[in-house]
Amino acid sequence: MGISGDIPGVGKASADVAIGTIAFMDGPPGWIGGASYFIFDTTVGIESLSKPLTDAMCSTSGNC
């Protein structure tokens, strides 16, 4: 398998670190950006961007 299976996880972790650093060091604009990223990540999830929209709608509505 190697590292190729870990690339999405590494990308997500890198994005988390980058957003966290910006939110920590950039003051109020960074706090807004960090909070927006956190809310999006916990409600929708970054992983959902790589899937078709119909998969997300199916799990929400139950009409699979």
N, C-alpha and C. Protein backbone atom coordinates (compact mmCIF):
# COMPACT_ATOMS: atom_id res chain seq x y z
N MET A 1 0.83 -1.18 0.00
CA MET A 1 0.00 0.00 0.00
C MET A 1 0.88 1.25 0.00
N GLY A 2 1.81 1.39 0.90
CA GLY A 2 2.71 2.52 0.88
C GLY A 2 2.05 3.83 1.26
N ILE A 3 2.69 4.90 0.89
CA ILE A 3 2.20 6.23 1.27
C ILE A 3 1.02 6.69 0.42
N SER A 4 0.81 6.10 -0.73
CA SER A 4 -0.26 6.57 -1.62
C SER A 4 -1.63 6.46 -0.97
N GLY A 5 -1.83 5.50 -0.09
CA GLY A 5 -3.11 5.38 0.61
C GLY A 5 -3.29 6.40 1.71
N ASP A 6 -2.21 7.05 2.11
CA ASP A 6 -2.25 8.01 3.21
C ASP A 6 -2.31 9.46 2.75
N ILE A 7 -2.27 9.71 1.46
CA ILE A 7 -2.20 11.08 0.95
C ILE A 7 -3.42 11.91 1.37
N PRO A 8 -4.65 11.41 1.29
CA PRO A 8 -5.77 12.24 1.76
C PRO A 8 -5.68 12.58 3.24
N GLY A 9 -5.23 11.64 4.05
CA GLY A 9 -5.08 11.90 5.48
C GLY A 9 -4.00 12.93 5.77
N VAL A 10 -2.91 12.86 5.02
CA VAL A 10 -1.82 13.83 5.18
C VAL A 10 -2.30 15.21 4.74
N GLY A 11 -3.05 15.28 3.65
CA GLY A 11 -3.58 16.56 3.19
C GLY A 11 -4.53 17.17 4.21
N LYS A 12 -5.39 16.36 4.79
CA LYS A 12 -6.34 16.84 5.80
C LYS A 12 -5.59 17.33 7.04
N ALA A 13 -4.62 16.57 7.50
CA ALA A 13 -3.84 16.98 8.67
C ALA A 13 -3.08 18.27 8.39
N SER A 14 -2.54 18.39 7.19
CA SER A 14 -1.81 19.61 6.82
C SER A 14 -2.74 20.82 6.79
N ALA A 15 -3.94 20.63 6.25
CA ALA A 15 -4.92 21.72 6.23
C ALA A 15 -5.32 22.11 7.65
N ASP A 16 -5.50 21.13 8.52
CA ASP A 16 -5.85 21.42 9.91
C ASP A 16 -4.76 22.25 10.59
N VAL A 17 -3.51 21.86 10.38
CA VAL A 17 -2.39 22.60 10.99
C VAL A 17 -2.31 24.01 10.42
N ALA A 18 -2.46 24.15 9.12
CA ALA A 18 -2.38 25.47 8.49
C ALA A 18 -3.50 26.39 8.99
N ILE A 19 -4.72 25.90 9.01
CA ILE A 19 -5.84 26.71 9.47
C ILE A 19 -5.70 27.04 10.95
N GLY A 20 -5.26 26.07 11.74
CA GLY A 20 -5.04 26.32 13.16
C GLY A 20 -3.99 27.38 13.41
N THR A 21 -2.92 27.34 12.64
CA THR A 21 -1.86 28.33 12.78
C THR A 21 -2.35 29.72 12.39
N ILE A 22 -3.08 29.80 11.29
CA ILE A 22 -3.63 31.09 10.85
C ILE A 22 -4.60 31.63 11.89
N ALA A 23 -5.47 30.77 12.42
CA ALA A 23 -6.45 31.19 13.42
C ALA A 23 -5.75 31.67 14.69
N PHE A 24 -4.66 31.02 15.05
CA PHE A 24 -3.95 31.37 16.28
C PHE A 24 -3.18 32.68 16.14
N MET A 25 -2.59 32.91 14.99
CA MET A 25 -1.67 34.04 14.85
C MET A 25 -2.26 35.27 14.16
N ASP A 26 -3.43 35.16 13.56
CA ASP A 26 -3.94 36.24 12.71
C ASP A 26 -4.97 37.13 13.39
N GLY A 27 -5.26 36.90 14.65
CA GLY A 27 -6.21 37.75 15.35
C GLY A 27 -7.65 37.47 14.93
N PRO A 28 -8.53 38.45 15.10
CA PRO A 28 -9.95 38.25 14.81
C PRO A 28 -10.27 37.71 13.40
N PRO A 29 -9.64 38.19 12.32
CA PRO A 29 -9.93 37.58 11.02
C PRO A 29 -9.57 36.09 10.98
N GLY A 30 -8.48 35.74 11.62
CA GLY A 30 -8.07 34.34 11.69
C GLY A 30 -9.03 33.52 12.52
N TRP A 31 -9.55 34.13 13.59
CA TRP A 31 -10.51 33.41 14.43
C TRP A 31 -11.78 33.10 13.64
N ILE A 32 -12.21 34.05 12.83
CA ILE A 32 -13.42 33.84 12.01
C ILE A 32 -13.16 32.74 10.98
N GLY A 33 -12.01 32.81 10.32
CA GLY A 33 -11.67 31.78 9.34
C GLY A 33 -11.52 30.41 9.98
N GLY A 34 -10.86 30.36 11.12
CA GLY A 34 -10.68 29.09 11.83
C GLY A 34 -12.00 28.52 12.30
N ALA A 35 -12.86 29.37 12.84
CA ALA A 35 -14.18 28.91 13.29
C ALA A 35 -15.01 28.41 12.12
N SER A 36 -14.95 29.11 11.00
CA SER A 36 -15.69 28.69 9.81
C SER A 36 -15.20 27.33 9.32
N TYR A 37 -13.89 27.16 9.29
CA TYR A 37 -13.32 25.86 8.86
C TYR A 37 -13.73 24.76 9.83
N PHE A 38 -13.64 25.03 11.13
CA PHE A 38 -14.01 24.02 12.13
C PHE A 38 -15.48 23.63 12.01
N ILE A 39 -16.36 24.62 11.86
CA ILE A 39 -17.79 24.33 11.74
C ILE A 39 -18.06 23.53 10.47
N PHE A 40 -17.45 23.92 9.35
CA PHE A 40 -17.64 23.18 8.10
C PHE A 40 -17.12 21.76 8.24
N ASP A 41 -15.96 21.59 8.86
CA ASP A 41 -15.35 20.28 8.99
C ASP A 41 -16.17 19.37 9.89
N THR A 42 -16.76 19.90 10.96
CA THR A 42 -17.53 19.05 11.86
C THR A 42 -18.94 18.76 11.37
N THR A 43 -19.52 19.65 10.57
CA THR A 43 -20.88 19.41 10.10
C THR A 43 -20.91 18.68 8.76
N VAL A 44 -20.20 19.20 7.79
CA VAL A 44 -20.22 18.61 6.44
C VAL A 44 -19.06 17.64 6.27
N GLY A 45 -17.89 18.06 6.66
CA GLY A 45 -16.70 17.23 6.54
C GLY A 45 -15.97 17.45 5.23
N ILE A 46 -14.69 17.56 5.33
CA ILE A 46 -13.85 17.77 4.15
C ILE A 46 -13.92 16.54 3.24
N GLU A 47 -14.05 15.35 3.83
CA GLU A 47 -14.07 14.13 3.04
C GLU A 47 -15.26 14.10 2.08
N SER A 48 -16.34 14.81 2.42
CA SER A 48 -17.52 14.80 1.56
C SER A 48 -17.28 15.50 0.23
N LEU A 49 -16.24 16.34 0.15
CA LEU A 49 -15.96 17.04 -1.10
C LEU A 49 -15.45 16.10 -2.19
N SER A 50 -14.93 14.95 -1.81
CA SER A 50 -14.40 14.02 -2.81
C SER A 50 -15.42 12.98 -3.24
N LYS A 51 -16.62 13.00 -2.66
CA LYS A 51 -17.66 12.04 -3.00
C LYS A 51 -18.75 12.73 -3.84
N PRO A 52 -19.49 11.97 -4.61
CA PRO A 52 -20.62 12.57 -5.32
C PRO A 52 -21.67 13.08 -4.34
N LEU A 53 -22.36 14.13 -4.69
CA LEU A 53 -23.36 14.72 -3.82
C LEU A 53 -24.48 13.75 -3.51
N THR A 54 -24.79 12.86 -4.44
CA THR A 54 -25.90 11.93 -4.21
C THR A 54 -25.62 11.00 -3.04
N ASP A 55 -24.36 10.65 -2.78
CA ASP A 55 -24.05 9.81 -1.63
C ASP A 55 -24.42 10.50 -0.33
N ALA A 56 -24.10 11.77 -0.21
CA ALA A 56 -24.41 12.53 1.00
C ALA A 56 -25.92 12.68 1.16
N MET A 57 -26.61 12.94 0.06
CA MET A 57 -28.05 13.10 0.13
C MET A 57 -28.73 11.78 0.47
N CYS A 58 -28.18 10.69 0.00
CA CYS A 58 -28.75 9.38 0.29
C CYS A 58 -28.66 9.10 1.78
N SER A 59 -27.53 9.38 2.40
CA SER A 59 -27.37 9.10 3.81
C SER A 59 -28.22 10.04 4.67
N THR A 60 -28.50 11.23 4.15
CA THR A 60 -29.33 12.18 4.90
C THR A 60 -30.80 11.82 4.82
N SER A 61 -31.27 11.50 3.62
CA SER A 61 -32.69 11.23 3.45
C SER A 61 -33.08 9.79 3.72
N GLY A 62 -32.16 8.86 3.56
CA GLY A 62 -32.46 7.45 3.75
C GLY A 62 -33.06 6.79 2.51
N ASN A 63 -33.20 7.54 1.42
CA ASN A 63 -33.76 6.99 0.19
C ASN A 63 -32.62 6.50 -0.71
N CYS A 64 -31.99 5.41 -0.30
CA CYS A 64 -30.83 4.92 -1.04
C CYS A 64 -31.24 3.92 -2.11
